[in-house]
N, C-alpha and C. Protein backbone atom coordinates (compact mmCIF):
# COMPACT_ATOMS: atom_id res chain seq x y z
N MET A 1 -12.37 27.15 33.73
CA MET A 1 -11.35 27.46 33.05
C MET A 1 -10.64 28.64 32.77
N ALA A 2 -9.69 29.12 32.77
CA ALA A 2 -8.53 30.60 33.35
C ALA A 2 -8.35 30.83 31.90
N GLU A 3 -8.51 31.79 31.60
CA GLU A 3 -8.53 32.70 30.67
C GLU A 3 -7.48 33.66 30.37
N ARG A 4 -6.43 34.02 29.52
CA ARG A 4 -5.52 34.44 29.45
C ARG A 4 -5.48 34.87 27.93
N GLU A 5 -4.72 36.18 28.26
CA GLU A 5 -4.86 37.18 26.85
C GLU A 5 -3.61 37.38 26.25
N ARG A 6 -3.51 37.27 24.91
CA ARG A 6 -2.22 36.80 24.34
C ARG A 6 -2.16 38.15 23.08
N LEU A 7 -1.41 39.15 22.82
CA LEU A 7 -0.94 39.99 22.00
C LEU A 7 -1.33 39.69 20.65
N ILE A 8 -1.89 40.59 20.02
CA ILE A 8 -1.85 39.83 18.37
C ILE A 8 -1.46 41.09 17.81
N CYS A 9 -1.44 42.44 18.13
CA CYS A 9 -1.22 43.52 17.23
C CYS A 9 -1.68 44.67 17.63
N ALA A 10 -0.60 45.54 17.33
CA ALA A 10 -1.58 47.28 17.85
C ALA A 10 -2.41 47.64 17.27
N ALA A 11 -3.47 48.34 17.56
CA ALA A 11 -4.90 48.83 17.49
C ALA A 11 -4.51 49.57 16.43
N SER A 12 -3.62 50.55 15.90
CA SER A 12 -3.09 51.04 14.97
C SER A 12 -3.28 50.49 13.29
N GLU A 13 -2.75 49.31 13.47
CA GLU A 13 -2.50 48.09 12.39
C GLU A 13 -4.37 47.90 11.51
N LEU A 14 -5.00 48.32 12.48
CA LEU A 14 -6.78 47.79 12.04
C LEU A 14 -7.08 49.38 11.79
N VAL A 15 -7.47 49.30 10.39
CA VAL A 15 -8.46 50.58 10.25
C VAL A 15 -9.30 50.28 9.78
N GLU A 16 -10.30 51.02 9.86
CA GLU A 16 -11.83 50.49 9.15
C GLU A 16 -11.85 50.02 8.73
N LEU A 17 -12.58 49.04 8.23
CA LEU A 17 -12.79 48.38 6.75
C LEU A 17 -11.24 48.42 5.98
N GLY A 18 -10.44 47.91 6.77
CA GLY A 18 -9.28 48.01 5.54
C GLY A 18 -8.75 46.75 6.12
N ARG A 19 -7.70 46.17 6.06
CA ARG A 19 -6.96 45.19 6.02
C ARG A 19 -6.75 44.45 7.50
N GLY A 20 -6.77 43.30 7.58
CA GLY A 20 -7.17 42.18 8.68
C GLY A 20 -5.90 41.98 8.80
N VAL A 21 -5.57 41.55 10.14
CA VAL A 21 -4.51 40.60 10.69
C VAL A 21 -4.76 39.37 11.15
N ARG A 22 -3.93 38.30 10.75
CA ARG A 22 -4.05 36.92 11.01
C ARG A 22 -3.11 36.60 12.08
N PHE A 23 -3.92 35.80 12.86
CA PHE A 23 -2.90 35.20 14.43
C PHE A 23 -3.26 33.71 14.01
N GLU A 24 -2.70 32.90 15.45
CA GLU A 24 -2.48 31.62 15.72
C GLU A 24 -3.62 31.97 17.01
N LEU A 25 -4.59 30.82 16.84
CA LEU A 25 -5.56 30.40 18.12
C LEU A 25 -5.49 29.26 18.66
N GLU A 26 -4.92 29.03 19.89
CA GLU A 26 -5.07 27.79 20.43
C GLU A 26 -6.94 27.58 20.94
N ARG A 27 -7.20 26.62 20.24
CA ARG A 27 -8.72 26.33 20.50
C ARG A 27 -8.75 24.53 20.51
N LEU A 28 -9.38 23.92 20.85
CA LEU A 28 -9.46 22.78 21.25
C LEU A 28 -8.11 22.11 21.22
N GLY A 29 -6.96 22.72 22.01
CA GLY A 29 -5.86 21.83 21.84
C GLY A 29 -5.06 21.70 20.61
N LYS A 30 -5.18 22.49 19.59
CA LYS A 30 -4.59 22.69 18.41
C LYS A 30 -4.64 24.10 18.29
N SER A 31 -3.36 24.56 17.15
CA SER A 31 -3.57 25.72 16.97
C SER A 31 -4.07 25.90 15.44
N GLN A 32 -5.14 26.91 15.28
CA GLN A 32 -6.07 27.56 14.46
C GLN A 32 -5.87 28.63 14.25
N PRO A 33 -6.05 28.91 12.66
CA PRO A 33 -6.05 30.76 12.06
C PRO A 33 -6.87 31.09 12.46
N ALA A 34 -6.53 32.34 12.92
CA ALA A 34 -7.72 33.11 12.86
C ALA A 34 -7.64 34.61 12.59
N PHE A 35 -8.50 35.66 12.73
CA PHE A 35 -8.23 37.21 11.64
C PHE A 35 -8.92 37.75 12.86
N VAL A 36 -8.68 38.99 12.39
CA VAL A 36 -9.32 40.34 13.26
C VAL A 36 -9.31 41.46 12.53
N VAL A 37 -10.61 42.04 12.04
CA VAL A 37 -10.46 43.04 11.41
C VAL A 37 -11.33 44.43 12.17
N ARG A 38 -11.19 45.74 11.22
CA ARG A 38 -12.32 46.84 12.31
C ARG A 38 -13.39 46.80 11.23
N PHE A 39 -14.17 46.64 11.99
CA PHE A 39 -15.99 47.40 11.11
C PHE A 39 -16.95 47.57 12.13
N ASP A 40 -17.38 48.93 11.69
CA ASP A 40 -18.40 49.65 12.39
C ASP A 40 -17.33 50.55 13.73
N GLY A 41 -16.20 50.69 13.99
CA GLY A 41 -15.87 51.11 15.25
C GLY A 41 -15.25 49.61 15.73
N GLN A 42 -15.72 48.65 15.65
CA GLN A 42 -15.29 47.79 16.75
C GLN A 42 -14.33 46.59 15.84
N LEU A 43 -13.67 45.91 17.30
CA LEU A 43 -12.89 44.97 16.96
C LEU A 43 -14.01 43.44 16.22
N ARG A 44 -13.26 42.98 15.10
CA ARG A 44 -14.54 41.83 14.81
C ARG A 44 -13.60 41.08 14.52
N ALA A 45 -13.23 39.53 15.43
CA ALA A 45 -12.61 38.36 15.13
C ALA A 45 -12.96 37.45 14.94
N PHE A 46 -12.47 36.17 14.33
CA PHE A 46 -13.15 35.11 13.65
C PHE A 46 -12.01 33.91 13.41
N LEU A 47 -12.40 32.67 13.37
CA LEU A 47 -11.27 31.76 12.51
C LEU A 47 -11.64 31.88 11.44
N ASN A 48 -10.29 31.84 10.91
CA ASN A 48 -9.93 31.95 9.47
C ASN A 48 -10.33 30.68 8.85
N GLN A 49 -11.82 30.64 8.83
CA GLN A 49 -12.13 28.93 8.04
C GLN A 49 -13.25 29.30 7.36
N CYS A 50 -13.92 29.37 5.98
CA CYS A 50 -15.50 29.27 5.51
C CYS A 50 -16.18 28.44 6.04
N GLY A 51 -17.38 28.48 6.48
CA GLY A 51 -18.24 27.89 6.64
C GLY A 51 -18.97 26.74 5.90
N HIS A 52 -18.39 26.87 4.54
CA HIS A 52 -18.92 25.43 3.66
C HIS A 52 -17.57 24.78 3.57
N VAL A 53 -16.48 25.13 3.47
CA VAL A 53 -15.67 23.70 3.41
C VAL A 53 -14.49 24.46 4.10
N PRO A 54 -13.56 23.92 5.32
CA PRO A 54 -12.26 24.34 6.15
C PRO A 54 -11.49 25.15 5.12
N VAL A 55 -11.68 26.12 4.60
CA VAL A 55 -10.64 26.65 3.91
C VAL A 55 -10.29 28.50 4.57
N GLU A 56 -9.38 28.93 4.24
CA GLU A 56 -9.08 30.15 4.67
C GLU A 56 -9.67 31.14 3.95
N LEU A 57 -10.42 32.35 4.16
CA LEU A 57 -11.08 33.16 3.71
C LEU A 57 -10.23 34.07 2.62
N ASP A 58 -9.05 34.64 3.26
CA ASP A 58 -8.24 36.24 2.49
C ASP A 58 -7.93 35.37 1.19
N TRP A 59 -7.76 36.41 0.17
CA TRP A 59 -7.58 36.26 -0.88
C TRP A 59 -6.24 36.76 -1.35
N GLN A 60 -5.76 37.48 -0.28
CA GLN A 60 -4.20 37.82 -0.13
C GLN A 60 -4.14 37.82 1.22
N GLU A 61 -3.08 37.89 1.69
CA GLU A 61 -2.97 37.84 3.39
C GLU A 61 -3.20 39.17 4.13
N GLY A 62 -4.41 39.30 4.93
CA GLY A 62 -4.76 40.21 5.51
C GLY A 62 -6.33 40.64 4.55
N GLU A 63 -6.49 40.32 3.54
CA GLU A 63 -7.47 40.97 2.75
C GLU A 63 -8.96 39.82 2.58
N PHE A 64 -9.72 40.52 3.57
CA PHE A 64 -11.11 39.64 4.01
C PHE A 64 -11.92 40.36 3.32
N PHE A 65 -12.06 41.68 3.22
CA PHE A 65 -13.43 42.21 2.71
C PHE A 65 -13.76 42.18 1.31
N ASP A 66 -14.94 42.19 0.77
CA ASP A 66 -15.10 42.00 -0.84
C ASP A 66 -15.21 43.22 -1.33
N CYS A 67 -14.77 43.37 -2.59
CA CYS A 67 -14.74 44.71 -3.23
C CYS A 67 -15.66 46.29 -3.04
N THR A 68 -16.84 45.60 -2.14
CA THR A 68 -17.97 46.75 -1.50
C THR A 68 -17.09 47.50 -0.33
N ARG A 69 -16.55 46.49 0.24
CA ARG A 69 -16.06 46.50 1.77
C ARG A 69 -17.12 46.53 2.48
N LEU A 70 -18.25 45.85 2.08
CA LEU A 70 -19.39 45.75 3.29
C LEU A 70 -19.51 44.23 3.99
N TYR A 71 -18.63 43.25 3.06
CA TYR A 71 -18.98 41.64 3.66
C TYR A 71 -17.30 41.17 3.63
N LEU A 72 -17.08 40.29 4.31
CA LEU A 72 -15.99 39.36 4.26
C LEU A 72 -16.28 38.07 3.67
N ILE A 73 -15.76 37.92 2.53
CA ILE A 73 -15.90 37.20 1.21
C ILE A 73 -14.35 35.66 1.54
N CYS A 74 -15.16 34.69 1.20
CA CYS A 74 -14.14 33.38 0.78
C CYS A 74 -13.60 34.06 -0.13
N SER A 75 -12.36 33.38 -0.61
CA SER A 75 -11.59 33.72 -2.21
C SER A 75 -11.76 33.08 -2.70
N THR A 76 -12.00 31.49 -2.01
CA THR A 76 -12.38 29.98 -2.70
C THR A 76 -14.00 30.21 -2.98
N HIS A 77 -14.66 30.27 -2.81
CA HIS A 77 -16.33 29.87 -3.10
C HIS A 77 -17.00 31.09 -3.39
N GLY A 78 -16.90 32.48 -2.81
CA GLY A 78 -17.65 33.62 -3.02
C GLY A 78 -18.11 33.96 -2.06
N ALA A 79 -18.47 33.01 -0.80
CA ALA A 79 -19.11 33.08 0.18
C ALA A 79 -19.24 34.23 0.90
N LEU A 80 -20.52 35.00 1.60
CA LEU A 80 -20.22 36.36 1.89
C LEU A 80 -21.01 36.48 3.38
N TYR A 81 -20.41 36.76 4.06
CA TYR A 81 -20.30 36.99 5.74
C TYR A 81 -20.56 38.52 6.44
N HIS A 82 -21.28 38.54 7.32
CA HIS A 82 -21.79 40.09 7.73
C HIS A 82 -20.55 39.87 8.75
N PRO A 83 -19.40 41.19 8.56
CA PRO A 83 -18.63 41.42 9.46
C PRO A 83 -18.91 41.97 11.23
N ALA A 84 -20.37 42.27 11.27
CA ALA A 84 -20.25 42.58 12.41
C ALA A 84 -20.87 41.34 13.19
N SER A 85 -21.38 40.03 12.86
CA SER A 85 -21.88 38.89 13.20
C SER A 85 -21.04 37.46 12.63
N GLY A 86 -20.19 37.46 11.37
CA GLY A 86 -20.23 36.37 11.00
C GLY A 86 -21.24 35.51 10.00
N SER A 87 -22.39 36.04 10.24
CA SER A 87 -23.38 35.12 9.59
C SER A 87 -23.06 35.08 8.11
N CYS A 88 -23.66 34.30 7.66
CA CYS A 88 -23.75 34.10 6.18
C CYS A 88 -24.73 34.65 5.49
N VAL A 89 -24.49 35.35 4.44
CA VAL A 89 -25.28 36.62 3.95
C VAL A 89 -25.57 36.24 2.41
N GLY A 90 -24.91 35.11 2.10
CA GLY A 90 -24.66 34.88 0.70
C GLY A 90 -23.87 33.64 0.17
N GLY A 91 -23.82 33.25 -0.90
CA GLY A 91 -23.11 32.23 -1.51
C GLY A 91 -22.94 30.90 -0.99
N ARG A 92 -22.27 30.18 -1.01
CA ARG A 92 -22.12 28.56 -0.79
C ARG A 92 -21.68 28.24 0.88
N CYS A 93 -22.49 29.39 1.68
CA CYS A 93 -22.09 28.80 3.02
C CYS A 93 -23.12 28.08 3.40
N ALA A 94 -23.96 28.19 2.61
CA ALA A 94 -25.13 26.88 3.30
C ALA A 94 -25.36 27.42 4.90
N GLY A 95 -25.97 28.76 4.48
CA GLY A 95 -26.17 29.08 6.27
C GLY A 95 -25.49 29.60 7.52
N ARG A 96 -24.22 28.44 7.41
CA ARG A 96 -23.30 28.32 8.40
C ARG A 96 -22.31 30.04 8.23
N GLY A 97 -22.29 30.43 9.62
CA GLY A 97 -21.61 31.45 10.05
C GLY A 97 -20.03 31.24 10.32
N LEU A 98 -19.48 31.98 10.44
CA LEU A 98 -18.24 32.20 10.95
C LEU A 98 -18.22 31.95 12.20
N ILE A 99 -16.92 31.31 12.56
CA ILE A 99 -16.85 31.16 14.46
C ILE A 99 -15.87 32.38 15.10
N PRO A 100 -17.15 32.90 15.93
CA PRO A 100 -16.19 34.17 16.70
C PRO A 100 -15.17 33.61 17.33
N VAL A 101 -14.11 34.65 17.39
CA VAL A 101 -13.33 34.38 18.30
C VAL A 101 -13.04 36.37 19.27
N PRO A 102 -13.26 35.33 20.60
CA PRO A 102 -13.08 37.02 21.67
C PRO A 102 -11.90 37.55 21.66
N VAL A 103 -11.97 38.95 21.19
CA VAL A 103 -10.42 39.91 21.00
C VAL A 103 -11.02 41.28 22.18
N VAL A 104 -9.91 42.06 22.29
CA VAL A 104 -10.17 43.03 23.54
C VAL A 104 -9.20 44.12 23.14
N GLU A 105 -9.63 45.62 22.82
CA GLU A 105 -8.76 46.13 22.72
C GLU A 105 -8.00 47.21 23.71
N ARG A 106 -6.92 47.28 23.82
CA ARG A 106 -6.81 47.97 25.74
C ARG A 106 -5.01 48.74 25.68
N ASP A 107 -5.66 50.03 25.60
CA ASP A 107 -4.13 50.40 25.69
C ASP A 107 -3.06 50.84 24.60
N GLY A 108 -3.84 50.34 23.36
CA GLY A 108 -3.51 50.80 21.92
C GLY A 108 -2.91 49.32 21.62
N GLN A 109 -3.37 48.29 22.23
CA GLN A 109 -3.17 47.04 21.85
C GLN A 109 -4.44 46.10 21.27
N VAL A 110 -4.37 44.97 20.46
CA VAL A 110 -5.36 44.06 20.66
C VAL A 110 -4.65 42.69 21.20
N TYR A 111 -5.89 42.10 21.88
CA TYR A 111 -5.36 41.26 22.56
C TYR A 111 -6.54 40.05 21.99
N VAL A 112 -6.18 38.54 21.79
CA VAL A 112 -7.21 37.74 22.22
C VAL A 112 -7.08 36.99 23.29
N ILE A 113 -8.29 36.26 23.36
CA ILE A 113 -8.53 35.89 25.32
C ILE A 113 -8.64 34.63 24.75
N GLU A 114 -7.78 33.81 25.30
CA GLU A 114 -7.50 32.37 25.28
C GLU A 114 -8.04 31.50 26.54
N THR A 115 -9.04 30.40 26.19
CA THR A 115 -9.24 29.80 27.43
C THR A 115 -8.01 28.94 27.60
N ALA A 116 -7.64 28.49 28.83
CA ALA A 116 -6.08 27.23 28.91
C ALA A 116 -7.48 26.22 29.62
């Protein structure tokens, strides 16, 4: 399968523990919502879908972190996910984590890597 990179945003838009950037990802033949945040100096991207039920996480557009800024939170169920791995750390995610999305930062830009 061929891979292609598609621009998401400028890297400067992603501040450590700050707002995330939402984007659409072509996956399994359809468009799916995803997001990227900066945590521990690294880009972390996931499908924008709770592990409990398929609802989007952000409580306001781009707001994915809980009030402590330590975890990603589902605004509907309060499920908590570790931002480095997407693994479930508490709440109603029943052990199911977030689905990671490959991204790369290069030349001041952030790109999603899609498989064609």
